[in-house]
Amino acid sequence: MTTSRFLKGAMYGIDLAIAATEFSEYLYDGDDFMQLQATGAAGSLGGYIEEEDGDSTLTQVALLPGICASLATAGAATDDAIFLARQTAVGAFDITIDSGRKLAFESRFMVLDGTDIGIFVGLAEAGLDHDIVVDGDGLIADVDAVGFTCAMHATDVHIDGVTRLSGAALQTGAETITEDEDGLFNTYGFRFDGYETIDWYLNNEKFATQTIVAAEFPTGQSLTPVFCVKNGDDGTDAKTMKIDYWVCVQDLLSSDRPE
């Protein structure tokens, strides 16, 4: 994975070349989709589980200087969706309050046609499917998750940074990070300090700070990278999200390291 673009923001101060090789020091996972095979078939795919609803498709799209993954829903059906969940080689991540385990997540993506669309990009509990994005709503379902989502509505997409503990209310840590920005790539990220604070980033600049509490946050839960896009109620055209890359790094403590 190219590391030159990770200069500040959520990834500031992290040497990704070290993080990707020093497995006794870090949990690391990420993808720039250069090796992803374009296919519409459901099943195991390049380290991901892919699930489709309707004739949704996953393809590769050439960018300068590289490749992005394009997640496109079917064109004429309400609530059609496409969903990817990472099958992480190093194991799932957790964001445990007062653990001291710092974590940073970053992804560069765009939304095409923000009218009546639902998305999720971030970390969520394993074993989910496209219903992580609620039909006709667009917000994430009652699951353990930390990441970026939007509500479906009839104008344009408003992307928020949110956290959720299954069984508790959705918490908005960064409201309206971007708005009315159809077809533009932005870099979204969050950084957990290992204790009780998440900083949310847009395009490598801090956007908001959230203080979290255990009763409202999936502390200690195993979370894996998840990406989803879903049609809204208009059901007239395909909804597409393009992901240039994502990366997640977490510190390991001495007690986590192999003897």
Protein backbone atom coordinates (compact mmCIF):
# COMPACT_ATOMS: atom_id res chain seq x y z
CA MET A 1 0.00 0.00 0.00
CA THR A 2 1.20 3.50 -0.82
CA THR A 3 2.06 5.39 2.37
CA SER A 4 3.17 8.80 1.10
CA ARG A 5 -0.29 10.32 1.43
CA PHE A 6 -0.59 9.49 5.16
CA LEU A 7 1.20 12.61 6.38
CA LYS A 8 -1.10 14.06 9.02
CA GLY A 9 -4.68 13.89 10.19
CA ALA A 10 -5.80 10.63 11.79
CA MET A 11 -2.58 8.94 10.67
CA TYR A 12 -0.25 11.70 11.86
CA GLY A 13 2.86 10.36 13.56
CA ILE A 14 2.29 6.76 12.43
CA ASP A 15 4.97 5.15 10.30
CA LEU A 16 2.84 2.78 8.23
CA ALA A 17 5.85 0.90 6.89
CA ILE A 18 6.71 -0.04 10.48
CA ALA A 19 3.08 -0.63 11.46
CA ALA A 20 2.62 -3.04 8.54
CA THR A 21 5.64 -5.17 9.51
CA GLU A 22 6.08 -4.94 13.30
CA PHE A 23 3.26 -7.27 14.31
CA SER A 24 4.45 -7.36 17.93
CA GLU A 25 3.92 -3.60 18.16
CA TYR A 26 0.79 -2.92 16.09
CA LEU A 27 -2.37 -4.34 14.63
CA TYR A 28 -2.48 -3.12 11.04
CA ASP A 29 -4.83 -3.60 8.10
CA GLY A 30 -5.55 -1.60 4.98
CA ASP A 31 -6.19 -1.73 1.26
CA ASP A 32 -5.81 0.51 -1.75
CA PHE A 33 -7.76 -1.96 -3.94
CA MET A 34 -4.97 -2.38 -6.47
CA GLN A 35 -5.40 -6.18 -6.36
CA LEU A 36 -9.17 -6.39 -5.98
CA GLN A 37 -10.71 -8.51 -8.73
CA ALA A 38 -13.75 -6.93 -10.35
CA THR A 39 -16.79 -9.19 -10.00
CA GLY A 40 -20.48 -9.10 -9.28
CA ALA A 41 -20.58 -12.51 -7.65
CA ALA A 42 -21.30 -12.80 -3.94
CA GLY A 43 -18.93 -14.69 -1.68
CA SER A 44 -15.34 -14.53 -0.58
CA LEU A 45 -13.43 -11.89 -2.53
CA GLY A 46 -9.86 -10.70 -2.12
CA GLY A 47 -9.96 -10.80 1.67
CA TYR A 48 -13.53 -9.52 1.85
CA ILE A 49 -17.00 -10.97 2.14
CA GLU A 50 -19.23 -9.38 -0.47
CA GLU A 51 -23.02 -9.37 -0.29
CA GLU A 52 -25.39 -7.91 -2.83
CA ASP A 53 -29.08 -7.08 -2.85
CA GLY A 54 -30.51 -6.81 -6.35
CA ASP A 55 -28.10 -6.42 -9.26
CA SER A 56 -25.59 -4.38 -7.29
CA THR A 57 -21.99 -4.58 -8.46
CA LEU A 58 -18.44 -4.26 -7.22
CA THR A 59 -15.91 -3.11 -9.82
CA GLN A 60 -12.52 -1.47 -10.09
CA VAL A 61 -12.22 2.04 -11.50
CA ALA A 62 -9.00 3.59 -12.75
CA LEU A 63 -7.91 6.75 -10.98
CA LEU A 64 -4.83 8.90 -11.21
CA PRO A 65 -2.53 7.66 -9.82
CA GLY A 66 -4.17 4.32 -8.96
CA ILE A 67 -7.38 2.31 -8.62
CA CYS A 68 -10.50 2.59 -6.49
CA ALA A 69 -13.26 0.16 -5.62
CA SER A 70 -16.68 1.17 -6.91
CA LEU A 71 -19.70 -0.09 -4.96
CA ALA A 72 -22.81 0.48 -7.09
CA THR A 73 -26.37 -0.48 -6.21
CA ALA A 74 -28.96 -1.69 -8.68
CA GLY A 75 -30.64 1.03 -10.68
CA ALA A 76 -34.35 0.79 -10.06
CA ALA A 77 -35.11 -0.92 -6.75
CA THR A 78 -35.64 0.69 -3.36
CA ASP A 79 -33.17 -0.48 -0.70
CA ASP A 80 -30.89 -2.45 -3.04
CA ALA A 81 -27.41 -2.49 -1.57
CA ILE A 82 -23.85 -3.71 -1.83
CA PHE A 83 -21.78 -4.55 1.24
CA LEU A 84 -18.14 -5.47 1.90
CA ALA A 85 -16.73 -6.73 5.18
CA ARG A 86 -13.02 -7.26 5.70
CA GLN A 87 -11.80 -10.70 6.69
CA THR A 88 -8.87 -9.29 8.63
CA ALA A 89 -5.72 -11.38 8.62
CA VAL A 90 -4.47 -9.93 11.90
CA GLY A 91 -7.78 -10.20 13.75
CA ALA A 92 -10.46 -7.67 14.60
CA PHE A 93 -9.80 -4.31 16.22
CA ASP A 94 -11.30 -3.08 19.46
CA ILE A 95 -11.57 0.41 20.92
CA THR A 96 -11.49 -0.17 24.65
CA ILE A 97 -11.98 2.76 27.00
CA ASP A 98 -9.00 3.28 29.36
CA SER A 99 -7.00 0.51 27.67
CA GLY A 100 -4.21 2.76 26.43
CA ARG A 101 -4.52 1.13 22.99
CA LYS A 102 -4.57 4.01 20.54
CA LEU A 103 -6.30 3.41 17.21
CA ALA A 104 -6.46 5.36 13.95
CA PHE A 105 -8.76 4.71 10.97
CA GLU A 106 -8.73 6.58 7.67
CA SER A 107 -10.47 6.23 4.31
CA ARG A 108 -10.65 8.33 1.16
CA PHE A 109 -13.98 7.95 -0.58
CA MET A 110 -16.66 9.77 -2.54
CA VAL A 111 -20.42 9.50 -2.86
CA LEU A 112 -22.02 9.91 -6.30
CA ASP A 113 -25.54 11.36 -6.32
CA GLY A 114 -26.28 12.05 -2.68
CA THR A 115 -30.05 12.04 -3.11
CA ASP A 116 -31.72 9.21 -1.15
CA ILE A 117 -28.58 7.23 -0.37
CA GLY A 118 -27.33 5.46 2.74
CA ILE A 119 -23.69 4.58 3.42
CA PHE A 120 -21.42 3.22 6.12
CA VAL A 121 -17.61 3.32 6.13
CA GLY A 122 -15.77 2.29 9.26
CA LEU A 123 -15.45 -0.45 11.88
CA ALA A 124 -18.39 -2.62 12.91
CA GLU A 125 -19.12 -5.96 14.54
CA ALA A 126 -18.46 -9.11 12.54
CA GLY A 127 -21.20 -11.14 10.89
CA LEU A 128 -23.23 -8.23 9.54
CA ASP A 129 -24.73 -7.75 6.08
CA HIS A 130 -26.15 -4.83 4.09
CA ASP A 131 -28.82 -4.29 6.74
CA ILE A 132 -26.19 -2.37 8.70
CA VAL A 133 -27.70 0.54 6.74
CA VAL A 134 -31.38 0.77 7.64
CA ASP A 135 -33.85 0.56 4.75
CA GLY A 136 -35.41 3.91 3.91
CA ASP A 137 -33.44 5.54 6.73
CA GLY A 138 -29.75 5.42 5.89
CA LEU A 139 -28.48 5.49 9.46
CA ILE A 140 -26.65 2.50 10.86
CA ALA A 141 -28.70 -0.21 12.53
CA ASP A 142 -28.62 -1.27 16.19
CA VAL A 143 -25.10 -2.71 16.01
CA ASP A 144 -21.65 -2.08 17.49
CA ALA A 145 -19.95 0.38 15.14
CA VAL A 146 -17.70 3.42 14.78
CA GLY A 147 -17.47 5.24 11.47
CA PHE A 148 -19.10 7.43 8.86
CA THR A 149 -22.74 7.35 7.79
CA CYS A 150 -25.52 9.55 6.44
CA ALA A 151 -29.29 9.84 6.62
CA MET A 152 -31.34 9.34 3.46
CA HIS A 153 -33.19 12.42 2.35
CA ALA A 154 -34.36 14.07 -0.81
CA THR A 155 -31.56 16.62 -1.23
CA ASP A 156 -27.86 15.82 -0.82
CA VAL A 157 -25.78 13.63 1.45
CA HIS A 158 -24.67 14.84 4.88
CA ILE A 159 -21.92 12.58 6.20
CA ASP A 160 -21.52 12.32 9.98
CA GLY A 161 -19.00 10.62 12.23
CA VAL A 162 -20.94 8.34 14.57
CA THR A 163 -20.52 5.68 17.25
CA ARG A 164 -23.01 3.10 18.42
CA LEU A 165 -23.24 0.44 21.10
CA SER A 166 -25.74 -2.29 20.27
CA GLY A 167 -28.81 -1.65 22.42
CA ALA A 168 -28.00 2.02 22.95
CA ALA A 169 -28.76 5.19 21.01
CA LEU A 170 -26.68 6.38 18.08
CA GLN A 171 -24.09 8.98 19.13
CA THR A 172 -23.00 11.66 16.67
CA GLY A 173 -19.41 12.63 17.35
CA ALA A 174 -18.94 14.79 14.26
CA GLU A 175 -22.06 16.22 12.62
CA THR A 176 -22.17 17.16 8.92
CA ILE A 177 -18.51 16.56 8.18
CA THR A 178 -19.28 17.09 4.51
CA GLU A 179 -22.43 18.33 2.82
CA ASP A 180 -23.61 18.74 -0.77
CA GLU A 181 -20.38 17.30 -2.17
CA ASP A 182 -21.53 14.75 -4.74
CA GLY A 183 -18.72 13.26 -6.79
CA LEU A 184 -15.82 14.64 -4.74
CA PHE A 185 -13.21 12.57 -2.92
CA ASN A 186 -12.63 13.47 0.70
CA THR A 187 -10.42 11.86 3.32
CA TYR A 188 -12.28 10.89 6.49
CA GLY A 189 -10.63 9.60 9.63
CA PHE A 190 -10.92 9.12 13.36
CA ARG A 191 -8.31 8.65 16.07
CA PHE A 192 -8.95 7.14 19.52
CA ASP A 193 -6.56 8.19 22.28
CA GLY A 194 -6.74 4.87 24.16
CA TYR A 195 -8.81 6.35 26.96
CA GLU A 196 -12.03 8.27 26.31
CA THR A 197 -11.57 10.63 23.38
CA ILE A 198 -12.09 10.28 19.63
CA ASP A 199 -10.86 13.00 17.28
CA TRP A 200 -12.62 13.12 13.92
CA TYR A 201 -10.77 14.33 10.80
CA LEU A 202 -11.68 15.67 7.38
CA ASN A 203 -8.97 16.01 4.74
CA ASN A 204 -6.19 15.67 7.32
CA GLU A 205 -7.51 18.41 9.60
CA LYS A 206 -9.22 17.82 12.93
CA PHE A 207 -12.96 18.41 12.55
CA ALA A 208 -14.39 17.56 15.99
CA THR A 209 -13.56 15.90 19.31
CA GLN A 210 -15.91 13.45 21.05
CA THR A 211 -15.73 12.33 24.68
CA ILE A 212 -17.10 8.80 24.92
CA VAL A 213 -18.67 6.91 27.82
CA ALA A 214 -18.96 3.15 28.22
CA ALA A 215 -22.76 3.12 28.42
CA GLU A 216 -22.99 4.54 24.88
CA PHE A 217 -19.92 3.07 23.18
CA PRO A 218 -18.82 -0.42 21.97
CA THR A 219 -15.85 -0.52 24.33
CA GLY A 220 -14.00 -3.82 24.19
CA GLN A 221 -16.02 -5.15 21.26
CA SER A 222 -14.33 -6.80 18.27
CA LEU A 223 -14.82 -4.63 15.19
CA THR A 224 -13.84 -5.20 11.58
CA PRO A 225 -13.75 -2.84 8.55
CA VAL A 226 -17.13 -2.59 6.80
CA PHE A 227 -18.30 -0.67 3.72
CA CYS A 228 -21.89 -0.39 2.51
CA VAL A 229 -24.02 1.69 0.16
CA LYS A 230 -27.81 1.41 -0.21
CA ASN A 231 -30.56 2.88 -2.39
CA GLY A 232 -33.10 5.14 -0.78
CA ASP A 233 -36.82 5.39 -1.39
CA ASP A 234 -36.61 7.03 -4.80
CA GLY A 235 -35.64 3.75 -6.49
CA THR A 236 -34.87 5.50 -9.77
CA ASP A 237 -31.13 5.18 -10.31
CA ALA A 238 -28.05 3.46 -9.00
CA LYS A 239 -26.24 4.81 -5.95
CA THR A 240 -22.46 4.59 -5.99
CA MET A 241 -19.67 4.97 -3.46
CA LYS A 242 -16.04 4.89 -4.61
CA ILE A 243 -13.31 4.03 -2.11
CA ASP A 244 -9.73 4.96 -2.97
CA TYR A 245 -8.19 3.38 0.15
CA TRP A 246 -8.69 2.63 3.82
CA VAL A 247 -6.24 1.89 6.63
CA CYS A 248 -6.50 1.07 10.34
CA VAL A 249 -3.64 0.90 12.87
CA GLN A 250 -3.79 0.07 16.59
CA ASP A 251 -1.07 0.09 19.22
CA LEU A 252 -0.37 -3.11 21.11
CA LEU A 253 0.59 -3.00 24.78
CA SER A 254 3.30 -5.17 26.29
CA SER A 255 0.58 -7.44 27.68
CA ASP A 256 -0.78 -7.98 24.12
CA ARG A 257 2.53 -9.00 22.59
CA PRO A 258 3.60 -12.60 22.09
CA GLU A 259 6.21 -13.85 24.56
